[in-house]
Protein backbone atom coordinates (compact mmCIF):
# COMPACT_ATOMS: atom_id res chain seq x y z
CA MET A 1 128.81 -174.07 -2.93
CA ARG A 2 128.41 -172.87 -6.55
CA PRO A 3 127.35 -176.83 -7.75
CA SER A 4 124.66 -176.63 -4.68
CA ILE A 5 122.72 -174.18 -6.21
CA ASN A 6 123.38 -175.15 -9.53
CA LYS A 7 121.90 -178.37 -8.21
CA ALA A 8 118.65 -176.68 -7.24
CA ILE A 9 118.09 -174.18 -10.09
CA PHE A 10 118.71 -177.45 -12.24
CA THR A 11 115.83 -178.89 -10.06
CA LEU A 12 113.36 -175.97 -10.52
CA ALA A 13 113.59 -175.85 -13.98
CA LEU A 14 112.92 -179.92 -13.69
CA ALA A 15 110.69 -179.09 -12.21
CA ALA A 16 109.07 -176.78 -13.91
CA VAL A 17 108.59 -178.86 -16.62
CA ALA A 18 107.41 -181.71 -15.23
CA ALA A 19 104.72 -179.40 -14.46
CA GLY A 20 103.82 -177.65 -18.08
CA CYS A 21 103.66 -181.01 -19.60
CA SER A 22 100.96 -181.53 -17.20
CA GLN A 23 97.62 -181.52 -19.60
CA GLN A 24 94.62 -179.23 -18.42
CA VAL A 25 92.07 -182.35 -17.59
CA SER A 26 87.86 -181.08 -18.77
CA TYR A 27 85.23 -181.77 -16.68
CA GLU A 28 82.59 -181.88 -19.01
CA LYS A 29 84.58 -183.72 -21.72
CA ASP A 30 86.62 -186.26 -19.40
CA VAL A 31 85.21 -186.11 -16.32
CA LEU A 32 81.67 -186.64 -16.56
CA PRO A 33 81.12 -188.71 -19.79
CA SER A 34 83.24 -191.31 -16.74
CA LEU A 35 80.13 -190.89 -14.51
CA GLN A 36 77.34 -190.52 -16.69
CA ASN A 37 78.48 -193.80 -17.67
CA ARG A 38 78.79 -195.81 -14.10
CA CYS A 39 77.91 -193.16 -11.27
CA GLN A 40 74.45 -191.25 -12.40
CA THR A 41 72.24 -194.65 -12.45
CA CYS A 42 72.31 -194.51 -8.51
CA HIS A 43 73.03 -191.01 -7.94
CA ASP A 44 70.23 -189.29 -10.77
CA GLY A 45 68.43 -187.22 -7.58
CA LYS A 46 65.98 -190.09 -8.20
CA GLY A 47 68.63 -193.50 -7.83
CA GLU A 48 69.61 -195.45 -4.39
CA GLY A 49 72.73 -193.78 -4.56
CA SER A 50 70.55 -190.34 -3.83
CA GLN A 51 68.22 -191.57 -0.90
CA ALA A 52 70.90 -193.06 1.47
CA SER A 53 73.56 -190.41 1.00
CA GLY A 54 71.87 -187.14 -0.71
CA PHE A 55 74.18 -186.91 -3.74
CA VAL A 56 73.85 -185.94 -6.94
CA LEU A 57 75.72 -186.33 -9.78
CA MET A 58 73.53 -184.13 -12.07
CA THR A 59 75.38 -181.17 -12.49
CA HIS A 60 79.19 -180.28 -12.29
CA ASP A 61 77.38 -178.29 -8.72
CA ASP A 62 75.66 -181.34 -7.72
CA LEU A 63 78.84 -182.73 -7.24
CA MET A 64 80.66 -180.49 -5.83
CA LYS A 65 77.56 -180.08 -2.88
CA GLY A 66 78.44 -183.48 -2.14
CA THR A 67 76.14 -185.40 0.31
CA GLN A 68 73.74 -185.02 3.00
CA TYR A 69 76.96 -185.78 5.74
CA GLY A 70 80.01 -183.19 3.55
CA PRO A 71 81.23 -182.71 0.36
CA VAL A 72 82.58 -185.10 -1.86
CA VAL A 73 85.75 -183.23 -3.80
CA VAL A 74 88.67 -181.16 -2.17
CA PRO A 75 90.15 -179.33 -4.54
CA GLY A 76 93.45 -180.03 -5.23
CA GLU A 77 93.61 -182.99 -2.79
CA SER A 78 92.36 -185.87 -4.67
CA LEU A 79 94.14 -187.77 -1.35
CA SER A 80 90.93 -185.54 0.57
CA SER A 81 88.53 -186.49 -1.47
CA THR A 82 85.85 -189.02 -0.54
CA LEU A 83 84.94 -188.87 -4.03
CA PHE A 84 88.41 -190.18 -5.39
CA LEU A 85 88.91 -192.79 -2.29
CA MET A 86 86.27 -194.56 -3.18
CA ILE A 87 86.23 -195.20 -6.82
CA ASP A 88 89.44 -196.32 -6.21
CA HIS A 89 89.03 -198.35 -3.48
CA ARG A 90 90.42 -197.04 -0.72
CA VAL A 91 87.68 -197.39 2.11
CA ASP A 92 85.63 -200.35 3.26
CA PRO A 93 85.19 -203.04 0.75
CA LYS A 94 81.76 -202.90 2.11
CA ILE A 95 81.40 -199.35 0.75
CA HIS A 96 82.27 -200.18 -3.45
CA MET A 97 81.41 -197.39 -5.37
CA PRO A 98 80.19 -198.60 -7.95
CA PRO A 99 78.41 -201.17 -5.66
CA HIS A 100 79.35 -204.83 -5.90
CA GLN A 101 76.43 -206.05 -8.77
CA GLU A 102 77.28 -207.63 -11.85
CA SER A 103 77.68 -205.52 -14.41
CA ASP A 104 74.45 -204.87 -17.33
CA ALA A 105 74.83 -204.94 -21.22
CA GLU A 106 76.18 -201.17 -21.11
CA GLY A 107 78.02 -201.22 -17.88
CA GLN A 108 76.66 -199.70 -15.27
CA PHE A 109 78.23 -200.83 -12.04
CA ALA A 110 80.95 -201.57 -14.03
CA SER A 111 84.36 -200.61 -11.68
CA LEU A 112 85.56 -197.36 -13.51
CA SER A 113 88.44 -198.07 -15.08
CA ARG A 114 92.17 -197.33 -14.35
CA ASP A 115 92.51 -194.42 -16.99
CA GLU A 116 88.95 -192.97 -15.18
CA ILE A 117 90.00 -193.35 -11.90
CA GLU A 118 93.56 -191.22 -12.69
CA THR A 119 91.55 -188.79 -14.64
CA ILE A 120 89.24 -188.22 -11.77
CA LYS A 121 92.44 -187.34 -10.34
CA THR A 122 94.58 -185.60 -12.20
CA TRP A 123 91.48 -183.46 -12.02
CA ILE A 124 90.48 -182.90 -8.41
CA ASP A 125 94.34 -182.26 -7.84
CA GLN A 126 94.06 -178.81 -10.52
CA GLY A 127 91.30 -177.69 -9.07
CA ALA A 128 88.14 -179.55 -9.52
CA LYS A 129 87.54 -176.97 -12.47
CA ASN A 130 84.42 -177.00 -13.94
CA ASN A 131 85.47 -176.65 -17.31
């Protein structure tokens, strides 16, 4: 029975080390710039996205408020967060965010990069803090 106790302790220690290696994602430094560059044109309170859904991305409070249909971020649960599911293209392809349009010179309407999507996912999983 002793080897299984040692194995359990080792597994818990390994999990604790892995959790400690995860760097805290900052809303202001890591998430907001991506949202500003890719999403804010339509979700600035006046744009097409805001008009259609009520979703505004000017502040953390706006983001956490969500849309007229409810919250889009469930802190600690990226897989339950509409924001993540939309930008990771896990919903109906007709609802592609950013929308399917030609990119302009500034990159507006271009999909977020895999790194940007993973950063937002991690931020949500870490509690979607206003940090």
